[in-house]
Amino acid sequence: MYLEQIFCYNNNMSFWDPLLALFSLPKPRKRRAFELDEDIYSILQEMAASEQRPAGELANDLLAEALEGRRVTQESLAFWRVLSPREQEVAALVCLGYTSPQIAARLSISPETVKSHVGNILVKGELRNRQELRALFAGWDFSRWE
């Protein structure tokens, strides 16, 4: 009976899977292999030593953080591209901290039109307020609109 369990396995299982299951052992984690630039590797080793943690653990955390940052950047860029050029101007000025009357004066439009654009921007981005808009584009350089 045990031999049948060990040697009769489906195509999704390796030879070792039934043996590991028989002895209640966890499957080994698959190792991913890639090379790091020597400078990056040195910095990673220094950081790991200063934080008193394994370099592999630190590398995983840094990679996860970078991937999340990339995802957020891609989402905010996709949202930016949905905005009309005028909405982009208004959004940029909101992110720079301008008020509706100040934006209206800069763009030679009425404050009501600014409010309308801001409302449309918030709806398109499923945002509740200007603070969420600023948070979405935090880190973006809007200096060309100043």
Protein backbone atom coordinates (compact mmCIF):
# COMPACT_ATOMS: atom_id res chain seq x y z
CA MET A 1 0.00 0.00 0.00
CA TYR A 2 2.74 2.49 0.86
CA LEU A 3 4.59 1.67 -2.36
CA GLU A 4 1.45 2.49 -4.34
CA GLN A 5 1.21 5.82 -2.56
CA ILE A 6 4.86 6.52 -3.23
CA PHE A 7 5.06 5.49 -6.85
CA CYS A 8 1.56 6.26 -8.17
CA TYR A 9 1.44 9.98 -8.60
CA ASN A 10 -0.15 12.29 -11.12
CA ASN A 11 1.60 14.48 -13.66
CA ASN A 12 1.55 17.53 -11.36
CA MET A 13 3.62 15.81 -8.70
CA SER A 14 7.32 15.12 -8.64
CA PHE A 15 8.73 11.79 -7.53
CA TRP A 16 9.50 13.32 -4.14
CA ASP A 17 6.03 14.71 -3.37
CA PRO A 18 4.56 11.38 -2.17
CA LEU A 19 7.66 10.67 -0.08
CA LEU A 20 7.48 14.07 1.55
CA ALA A 21 3.76 13.58 2.21
CA LEU A 22 4.37 10.09 3.63
CA PHE A 23 6.77 11.49 6.23
CA SER A 24 4.78 14.71 6.74
CA LEU A 25 7.66 16.83 5.50
CA PRO A 26 7.09 20.22 3.87
CA LYS A 27 7.89 20.67 0.21
CA PRO A 28 11.17 22.52 -0.23
CA ARG A 29 10.80 26.05 -1.49
CA LYS A 30 11.81 26.57 -5.07
CA ARG A 31 14.95 28.62 -5.34
CA ARG A 32 15.06 31.39 -7.86
CA ALA A 33 18.42 32.14 -9.34
CA PHE A 34 19.50 35.51 -10.63
CA GLU A 35 22.69 37.48 -10.48
CA LEU A 36 23.22 40.76 -8.71
CA ASP A 37 25.64 43.44 -9.75
CA GLU A 38 28.65 43.32 -7.41
CA ASP A 39 28.02 46.87 -6.16
CA ILE A 40 24.38 46.06 -5.37
CA TYR A 41 25.42 42.84 -3.66
CA SER A 42 27.93 44.70 -1.49
CA ILE A 43 25.36 47.32 -0.51
CA LEU A 44 22.84 44.58 0.29
CA GLN A 45 25.38 42.78 2.49
CA GLU A 46 26.24 46.03 4.32
CA MET A 47 22.57 46.87 4.88
CA ALA A 48 21.81 43.36 6.11
CA ALA A 49 24.72 43.48 8.53
CA SER A 50 23.71 46.89 9.87
CA GLU A 51 20.12 45.68 10.35
CA GLN A 52 21.34 42.36 11.78
CA ARG A 53 19.23 40.24 9.48
CA PRO A 54 19.85 37.76 6.68
CA ALA A 55 20.66 39.30 3.31
CA GLY A 56 18.08 37.10 1.57
CA GLU A 57 15.31 38.31 3.87
CA LEU A 58 16.32 41.93 3.32
CA ALA A 59 16.48 41.37 -0.45
CA ASN A 60 12.96 39.90 -0.43
CA ASP A 61 11.62 42.86 1.57
CA LEU A 62 13.32 45.41 -0.66
CA LEU A 63 12.08 43.69 -3.81
CA ALA A 64 8.52 43.50 -2.47
CA GLU A 65 8.65 47.21 -1.59
CA ALA A 66 10.01 48.11 -5.02
CA LEU A 67 7.37 46.03 -6.79
CA GLU A 68 4.59 47.69 -4.78
CA GLY A 69 6.06 51.10 -5.61
CA ARG A 70 6.13 50.19 -9.29
CA ARG A 71 2.50 49.03 -9.14
CA VAL A 72 1.39 52.30 -7.53
CA THR A 73 3.35 54.31 -10.08
CA GLN A 74 1.76 52.42 -12.96
CA GLU A 75 -1.72 52.94 -11.50
CA SER A 76 -1.20 56.66 -11.03
CA LEU A 77 0.24 57.00 -14.55
CA ALA A 78 -2.73 55.12 -16.02
CA PHE A 79 -5.08 57.47 -14.16
CA TRP A 80 -3.11 60.53 -15.36
CA ARG A 81 -3.52 59.40 -18.96
CA VAL A 82 -7.31 59.20 -18.54
CA LEU A 83 -7.47 62.89 -17.62
CA SER A 84 -8.00 65.52 -20.29
CA PRO A 85 -5.19 68.06 -20.77
CA ARG A 86 -7.17 70.68 -18.80
CA GLU A 87 -7.88 68.20 -16.01
CA GLN A 88 -4.16 67.41 -15.91
CA GLU A 89 -3.41 71.12 -15.49
CA VAL A 90 -5.94 71.42 -12.69
CA ALA A 91 -4.72 68.22 -11.00
CA ALA A 92 -1.12 69.43 -11.16
CA LEU A 93 -2.04 72.76 -9.59
CA VAL A 94 -4.08 71.02 -6.88
CA CYS A 95 -1.06 68.83 -6.14
CA LEU A 96 1.07 71.96 -5.90
CA GLY A 97 -1.28 73.24 -3.21
CA TYR A 98 -3.16 75.92 -5.14
CA THR A 99 -6.71 76.78 -4.09
CA SER A 100 -9.63 76.89 -6.53
CA PRO A 101 -9.54 80.72 -6.81
CA GLN A 102 -5.78 80.61 -7.43
CA ILE A 103 -6.17 77.90 -10.09
CA ALA A 104 -8.98 79.88 -11.71
CA ALA A 105 -6.79 82.98 -11.89
CA ARG A 106 -3.82 81.06 -13.32
CA LEU A 107 -5.91 79.33 -15.99
CA SER A 108 -8.23 82.27 -16.72
CA ILE A 109 -11.35 80.26 -15.92
CA SER A 110 -14.03 80.69 -13.28
CA PRO A 111 -13.72 79.11 -9.81
CA GLU A 112 -16.90 77.15 -10.61
CA THR A 113 -15.19 75.64 -13.65
CA VAL A 114 -12.23 74.68 -11.46
CA LYS A 115 -14.60 73.00 -9.00
CA SER A 116 -16.21 71.15 -11.90
CA HIS A 117 -12.82 69.94 -13.16
CA VAL A 118 -11.77 68.88 -9.66
CA GLY A 119 -15.05 67.01 -9.24
CA ASN A 120 -14.54 65.21 -12.55
CA ILE A 121 -10.97 64.31 -11.60
CA LEU A 122 -12.08 62.90 -8.26
CA VAL A 123 -14.85 60.86 -9.88
CA LYS A 124 -12.53 59.46 -12.56
CA GLY A 125 -9.99 58.48 -9.91
CA GLU A 126 -12.58 57.24 -7.43
CA LEU A 127 -11.07 59.67 -4.94
CA ARG A 128 -12.89 61.38 -2.09
CA ASN A 129 -10.99 64.64 -1.83
CA ARG A 130 -7.99 66.73 -2.87
CA GLN A 131 -5.82 65.13 -0.20
CA GLU A 132 -6.28 61.72 -1.80
CA LEU A 133 -5.42 63.25 -5.17
CA ARG A 134 -2.23 64.73 -3.70
CA ALA A 135 -1.38 61.39 -2.07
CA LEU A 136 -1.87 59.57 -5.38
CA PHE A 137 0.63 61.83 -7.11
CA ALA A 138 3.01 62.28 -4.17
CA GLY A 139 6.55 62.32 -5.47
CA TRP A 140 5.57 63.53 -8.92
CA ASP A 141 7.33 66.65 -10.17
CA PHE A 142 4.74 69.26 -11.15
CA SER A 143 7.21 72.15 -11.23
CA ARG A 144 6.58 72.84 -14.93
CA TRP A 145 3.08 74.05 -13.95
CA GLU A 146 4.42 76.65 -11.51
